[in-house]
Amino acid sequence: MPFDVIAIRLSKVILIGGLGVWAFFAVLGNVTDYDANWAFVQHVLSMDSIFPDSPLMWRAITDPTLQTIAYLIIMFFEALTSISFLIAAWMMAKALKAPKAKFKRAKAFVALGALFGVGLWMIGFMAIGGEWFVMWQSGQWNGQQAAFMFYMSILAVVIYVFLDTDGEPAAEP
């Protein structure tokens, strides 16, 4: 296997592994420092820091049990994202020197990691948190920039990984 193909494939393995580690640290932080992000979830769902006269306050969730369920769902999807990307990196690493078709099949868990990660940060935080719970109105409890950074990083890496650049090299002129 030529060096250029190995180098490209290795970069894809490392970047996907990096996404897995990133998501792992996110869930680890939420589990080991539960209260730090618990306050964020409570304020976003209770909508207590949005514009005071908002007619959208009927959407607020103030029940601590439902807020806890929402927080656990967030951690669950962070864990699924991490596990999927780490499995993908491991499978891709095992197929590093394999023929193109086998390396391509090793990327299956990349799609799952993207589904879970983009689903959480784009749909969960941007759409549901940002728009349904109007998080964008809160000066203190607005996580849209962080969510955007997460899902755009995931999308950028996933697009790169799925580019058809890790196969047999073109013939030399």
C-alpha atoms as a PDB file:
ATOM      1  CA  MET A   1       0.000   0.000   0.000  1.00  0.00           C
ATOM      2  CA  PRO A   2       1.534   3.347  -1.040  1.00  0.00           C
ATOM      3  CA  PHE A   3       2.432   5.879   1.637  1.00  0.00           C
ATOM      4  CA  ASP A   4      -0.012   8.520   0.318  1.00  0.00           C
ATOM      5  CA  VAL A   5      -2.986   6.162   0.712  1.00  0.00           C
ATOM      6  CA  ILE A   6      -1.886   5.101   4.208  1.00  0.00           C
ATOM      7  CA  ALA A   7      -1.363   8.744   5.224  1.00  0.00           C
ATOM      8  CA  ILE A   8      -4.849   9.753   4.045  1.00  0.00           C
ATOM      9  CA  ARG A   9      -6.482   6.762   5.695  1.00  0.00           C
ATOM     10  CA  LEU A  10      -4.564   7.309   8.927  1.00  0.00           C
ATOM     11  CA  SER A  11      -5.665  10.950   9.024  1.00  0.00           C
ATOM     12  CA  LYS A  12      -9.277   9.785   8.742  1.00  0.00           C
ATOM     13  CA  VAL A  13      -8.829   7.248  11.534  1.00  0.00           C
ATOM     14  CA  ILE A  14      -7.286   9.845  13.832  1.00  0.00           C
ATOM     15  CA  LEU A  15      -9.922  12.488  13.125  1.00  0.00           C
ATOM     16  CA  ILE A  16     -12.791  10.048  13.725  1.00  0.00           C
ATOM     17  CA  GLY A  17     -11.066   8.841  16.886  1.00  0.00           C
ATOM     18  CA  GLY A  18     -10.742  12.476  17.922  1.00  0.00           C
ATOM     19  CA  LEU A  19     -14.487  12.979  17.554  1.00  0.00           C
ATOM     20  CA  GLY A  20     -15.033   9.884  19.679  1.00  0.00           C
ATOM     21  CA  VAL A  21     -12.739  11.206  22.404  1.00  0.00           C
ATOM     22  CA  TRP A  22     -14.394  14.638  22.241  1.00  0.00           C
ATOM     23  CA  ALA A  23     -17.867  13.149  22.719  1.00  0.00           C
ATOM     24  CA  PHE A  24     -16.484  10.913  25.479  1.00  0.00           C
ATOM     25  CA  PHE A  25     -15.187  13.961  27.346  1.00  0.00           C
ATOM     26  CA  ALA A  26     -18.583  15.632  26.930  1.00  0.00           C
ATOM     27  CA  VAL A  27     -20.439  12.724  28.513  1.00  0.00           C
ATOM     28  CA  LEU A  28     -17.705  12.201  31.115  1.00  0.00           C
ATOM     29  CA  GLY A  29     -18.001  15.839  32.150  1.00  0.00           C
ATOM     30  CA  ASN A  30     -21.758  15.559  32.484  1.00  0.00           C
ATOM     31  CA  VAL A  31     -21.492  12.401  34.573  1.00  0.00           C
ATOM     32  CA  THR A  32     -18.622  13.466  36.838  1.00  0.00           C
ATOM     33  CA  ASP A  33     -19.713  17.103  37.195  1.00  0.00           C
ATOM     34  CA  TYR A  34     -23.445  16.545  36.923  1.00  0.00           C
ATOM     35  CA  ASP A  35     -24.458  19.873  38.482  1.00  0.00           C
ATOM     36  CA  ALA A  36     -22.516  22.070  36.045  1.00  0.00           C
ATOM     37  CA  ASN A  37     -24.674  21.276  33.026  1.00  0.00           C
ATOM     38  CA  TRP A  38     -27.730  20.335  35.077  1.00  0.00           C
ATOM     39  CA  ALA A  39     -28.242  24.047  35.764  1.00  0.00           C
ATOM     40  CA  PHE A  40     -28.029  24.724  32.021  1.00  0.00           C
ATOM     41  CA  VAL A  41     -30.672  22.089  31.234  1.00  0.00           C
ATOM     42  CA  GLN A  42     -32.970  23.376  33.989  1.00  0.00           C
ATOM     43  CA  HIS A  43     -32.774  27.003  32.852  1.00  0.00           C
ATOM     44  CA  VAL A  44     -33.233  26.220  29.167  1.00  0.00           C
ATOM     45  CA  LEU A  45     -36.207  23.931  29.756  1.00  0.00           C
ATOM     46  CA  SER A  46     -37.862  26.204  32.328  1.00  0.00           C
ATOM     47  CA  MET A  47     -37.322  29.178  29.982  1.00  0.00           C
ATOM     48  CA  ASP A  48     -36.720  31.373  33.027  1.00  0.00           C
ATOM     49  CA  SER A  49     -34.172  33.621  31.350  1.00  0.00           C
ATOM     50  CA  ILE A  50     -35.907  34.448  28.064  1.00  0.00           C
ATOM     51  CA  PHE A  51     -37.704  37.704  27.310  1.00  0.00           C
ATOM     52  CA  PRO A  52     -40.069  38.282  30.239  1.00  0.00           C
ATOM     53  CA  ASP A  53     -43.222  38.950  28.194  1.00  0.00           C
ATOM     54  CA  SER A  54     -42.736  36.048  25.788  1.00  0.00           C
ATOM     55  CA  PRO A  55     -45.995  34.438  24.672  1.00  0.00           C
ATOM     56  CA  LEU A  56     -44.036  31.193  24.253  1.00  0.00           C
ATOM     57  CA  MET A  57     -43.738  30.472  27.974  1.00  0.00           C
ATOM     58  CA  TRP A  58     -46.393  27.769  27.646  1.00  0.00           C
ATOM     59  CA  ARG A  59     -43.626  25.577  26.214  1.00  0.00           C
ATOM     60  CA  ALA A  60     -41.617  25.620  29.456  1.00  0.00           C
ATOM     61  CA  ILE A  61     -40.884  22.360  31.257  1.00  0.00           C
ATOM     62  CA  THR A  62     -40.475  22.973  34.973  1.00  0.00           C
ATOM     63  CA  ASP A  63     -41.035  19.464  36.302  1.00  0.00           C
ATOM     64  CA  PRO A  64     -37.669  18.278  37.729  1.00  0.00           C
ATOM     65  CA  THR A  65     -38.391  14.686  36.702  1.00  0.00           C
ATOM     66  CA  LEU A  66     -38.905  15.655  33.055  1.00  0.00           C
ATOM     67  CA  GLN A  67     -35.821  17.880  33.190  1.00  0.00           C
ATOM     68  CA  THR A  68     -33.795  14.969  34.564  1.00  0.00           C
ATOM     69  CA  ILE A  69     -35.058  12.714  31.776  1.00  0.00           C
ATOM     70  CA  ALA A  70     -34.019  15.324  29.208  1.00  0.00           C
ATOM     71  CA  TYR A  71     -30.539  15.552  30.774  1.00  0.00           C
ATOM     72  CA  LEU A  72     -30.176  11.764  30.744  1.00  0.00           C
ATOM     73  CA  ILE A  73     -31.210  11.690  27.088  1.00  0.00           C
ATOM     74  CA  ILE A  74     -28.498  14.244  26.308  1.00  0.00           C
ATOM     75  CA  MET A  75     -25.878  12.117  28.078  1.00  0.00           C
ATOM     76  CA  PHE A  76     -27.167   8.971  26.362  1.00  0.00           C
ATOM     77  CA  PHE A  77     -26.724  10.525  22.918  1.00  0.00           C
ATOM     78  CA  GLU A  78     -23.291  11.871  23.828  1.00  0.00           C
ATOM     79  CA  ALA A  79     -22.338   8.321  24.822  1.00  0.00           C
ATOM     80  CA  LEU A  80     -23.780   6.845  21.612  1.00  0.00           C
ATOM     81  CA  THR A  81     -21.843   9.421  19.599  1.00  0.00           C
ATOM     82  CA  SER A  82     -18.611   8.582  21.392  1.00  0.00           C
ATOM     83  CA  ILE A  83     -19.038   4.827  21.154  1.00  0.00           C
ATOM     84  CA  SER A  84     -19.948   4.969  17.456  1.00  0.00           C
ATOM     85  CA  PHE A  85     -16.965   7.110  16.519  1.00  0.00           C
ATOM     86  CA  LEU A  86     -14.546   5.070  18.634  1.00  0.00           C
ATOM     87  CA  ILE A  87     -15.780   1.815  17.087  1.00  0.00           C
ATOM     88  CA  ALA A  88     -15.476   3.411  13.650  1.00  0.00           C
ATOM     89  CA  ALA A  89     -11.890   4.490  14.347  1.00  0.00           C
ATOM     90  CA  TRP A  90     -11.009   0.999  15.580  1.00  0.00           C
ATOM     91  CA  MET A  91     -12.602  -0.690  12.541  1.00  0.00           C
ATOM     92  CA  MET A  92     -10.947   1.737  10.136  1.00  0.00           C
ATOM     93  CA  ALA A  93      -7.568   1.241  11.846  1.00  0.00           C
ATOM     94  CA  LYS A  94      -7.927  -2.524  11.464  1.00  0.00           C
ATOM     95  CA  ALA A  95      -8.606  -2.016   7.734  1.00  0.00           C
ATOM     96  CA  LEU A  96      -5.858   0.574   7.261  1.00  0.00           C
ATOM     97  CA  LYS A  97      -3.895  -1.536   4.763  1.00  0.00           C
ATOM     98  CA  ALA A  98      -6.883  -3.423   3.357  1.00  0.00           C
ATOM     99  CA  PRO A  99      -8.286  -3.009  -0.140  1.00  0.00           C
ATOM    100  CA  LYS A 100     -10.388   0.074  -0.774  1.00  0.00           C
ATOM    101  CA  ALA A 101     -13.740  -1.723  -0.496  1.00  0.00           C
ATOM    102  CA  LYS A 102     -12.918  -3.153   2.930  1.00  0.00           C
ATOM    103  CA  PHE A 103     -11.728   0.209   4.252  1.00  0.00           C
ATOM    104  CA  LYS A 104     -14.921   1.793   2.928  1.00  0.00           C
ATOM    105  CA  ARG A 105     -17.063  -0.801   4.751  1.00  0.00           C
ATOM    106  CA  ALA A 106     -15.118  -0.102   7.941  1.00  0.00           C
ATOM    107  CA  LYS A 107     -16.612   3.414   7.925  1.00  0.00           C
ATOM    108  CA  ALA A 108     -20.143   2.190   8.717  1.00  0.00           C
ATOM    109  CA  PHE A 109     -20.058   3.407  12.316  1.00  0.00           C
ATOM    110  CA  VAL A 110     -18.973   6.861  11.144  1.00  0.00           C
ATOM    111  CA  ALA A 111     -22.483   7.334   9.777  1.00  0.00           C
ATOM    112  CA  LEU A 112     -23.994   6.297  13.109  1.00  0.00           C
ATOM    113  CA  GLY A 113     -21.729   8.648  15.046  1.00  0.00           C
ATOM    114  CA  ALA A 114     -22.758  11.468  12.711  1.00  0.00           C
ATOM    115  CA  LEU A 115     -26.414  10.597  13.163  1.00  0.00           C
ATOM    116  CA  PHE A 116     -26.178  10.640  16.956  1.00  0.00           C
ATOM    117  CA  GLY A 117     -23.851  13.647  17.229  1.00  0.00           C
ATOM    118  CA  VAL A 118     -25.481  15.892  14.663  1.00  0.00           C
ATOM    119  CA  GLY A 119     -28.862  14.714  15.917  1.00  0.00           C
ATOM    120  CA  LEU A 120     -28.006  15.773  19.448  1.00  0.00           C
ATOM    121  CA  TRP A 121     -26.268  19.074  18.809  1.00  0.00           C
ATOM    122  CA  MET A 122     -28.171  20.281  15.739  1.00  0.00           C
ATOM    123  CA  ILE A 123     -31.647  18.908  16.378  1.00  0.00           C
ATOM    124  CA  GLY A 124     -31.499  18.719  20.170  1.00  0.00           C
ATOM    125  CA  PHE A 125     -29.667  21.924  20.996  1.00  0.00           C
ATOM    126  CA  MET A 126     -30.159  24.164  17.956  1.00  0.00           C
ATOM    127  CA  ALA A 127     -33.699  23.231  16.917  1.00  0.00           C
ATOM    128  CA  ILE A 128     -35.334  22.112  20.154  1.00  0.00           C
ATOM    129  CA  GLY A 129     -33.293  24.113  22.665  1.00  0.00           C
ATOM    130  CA  GLY A 130     -32.653  27.120  20.460  1.00  0.00           C
ATOM    131  CA  GLU A 131     -36.016  27.494  18.786  1.00  0.00           C
ATOM    132  CA  TRP A 132     -38.628  25.537  20.750  1.00  0.00           C
ATOM    133  CA  PHE A 133     -37.344  26.671  24.151  1.00  0.00           C
ATOM    134  CA  VAL A 134     -36.108  29.972  22.591  1.00  0.00           C
ATOM    135  CA  MET A 135     -32.667  29.579  24.108  1.00  0.00           C
ATOM    136  CA  TRP A 136     -31.501  32.299  21.704  1.00  0.00           C
ATOM    137  CA  GLN A 137     -33.304  34.863  23.884  1.00  0.00           C
ATOM    138  CA  SER A 138     -31.197  34.020  26.934  1.00  0.00           C
ATOM    139  CA  GLY A 139     -28.044  35.989  27.541  1.00  0.00           C
ATOM    140  CA  GLN A 140     -26.700  33.492  30.067  1.00  0.00           C
ATOM    141  CA  TRP A 141     -28.123  30.077  29.110  1.00  0.00           C
ATOM    142  CA  ASN A 142     -27.605  30.081  25.356  1.00  0.00           C
ATOM    143  CA  GLY A 143     -25.663  27.059  24.145  1.00  0.00           C
ATOM    144  CA  GLN A 144     -26.195  27.583  20.434  1.00  0.00           C
ATOM    145  CA  GLN A 145     -22.612  28.615  19.633  1.00  0.00           C
ATOM    146  CA  ALA A 146     -21.191  25.572  21.386  1.00  0.00           C
ATOM    147  CA  ALA A 147     -23.757  23.288  19.722  1.00  0.00           C
ATOM    148  CA  PHE A 148     -22.921  24.787  16.323  1.00  0.00           C
ATOM    149  CA  MET A 149     -19.224  24.187  16.922  1.00  0.00           C
ATOM    150  CA  PHE A 150     -19.923  20.559  17.843  1.00  0.00           C
ATOM    151  CA  TYR A 151     -22.108  19.618  14.912  1.00  0.00           C
ATOM    152  CA  MET A 152     -20.141  21.572  12.313  1.00  0.00           C
ATOM    153  CA  SER A 153     -16.922  19.899  13.487  1.00  0.00           C
ATOM    154  CA  ILE A 154     -18.625  16.529  13.195  1.00  0.00           C
ATOM    155  CA  LEU A 155     -19.959  17.344   9.719  1.00  0.00           C
ATOM    156  CA  ALA A 156     -16.594  18.619   8.483  1.00  0.00           C
ATOM    157  CA  VAL A 157     -14.740  15.499   9.634  1.00  0.00           C
ATOM    158  CA  VAL A 158     -17.444  13.139   8.377  1.00  0.00           C
ATOM    159  CA  ILE A 159     -17.467  14.800   4.944  1.00  0.00           C
ATOM    160  CA  TYR A 160     -13.685  14.433   4.759  1.00  0.00           C
ATOM    161  CA  VAL A 161     -13.840  10.794   5.861  1.00  0.00           C
ATOM    162  CA  PHE A 162     -16.427   9.922   3.229  1.00  0.00           C
ATOM    163  CA  LEU A 163     -14.524  11.620   0.404  1.00  0.00           C
ATOM    164  CA  ASP A 164     -13.267   9.019  -2.046  1.00  0.00           C
ATOM    165  CA  THR A 165      -9.589   9.763  -1.375  1.00  0.00           C
ATOM    166  CA  ASP A 166      -8.510   6.622   0.419  1.00  0.00           C
ATOM    167  CA  GLY A 167      -8.360   4.102  -2.377  1.00  0.00           C
ATOM    168  CA  GLU A 168      -5.829   2.905  -4.812  1.00  0.00           C
ATOM    169  CA  PRO A 169      -3.741   5.801  -6.133  1.00  0.00           C
ATOM    170  CA  ALA A 170      -4.124   7.096  -9.665  1.00  0.00           C
ATOM    171  CA  ALA A 171      -1.580   5.903 -12.182  1.00  0.00           C
ATOM    172  CA  GLU A 172       1.567   8.022 -12.356  1.00  0.00           C
ATOM    173  CA  PRO A 173       1.932  10.029 -15.621  1.00  0.00           C
END
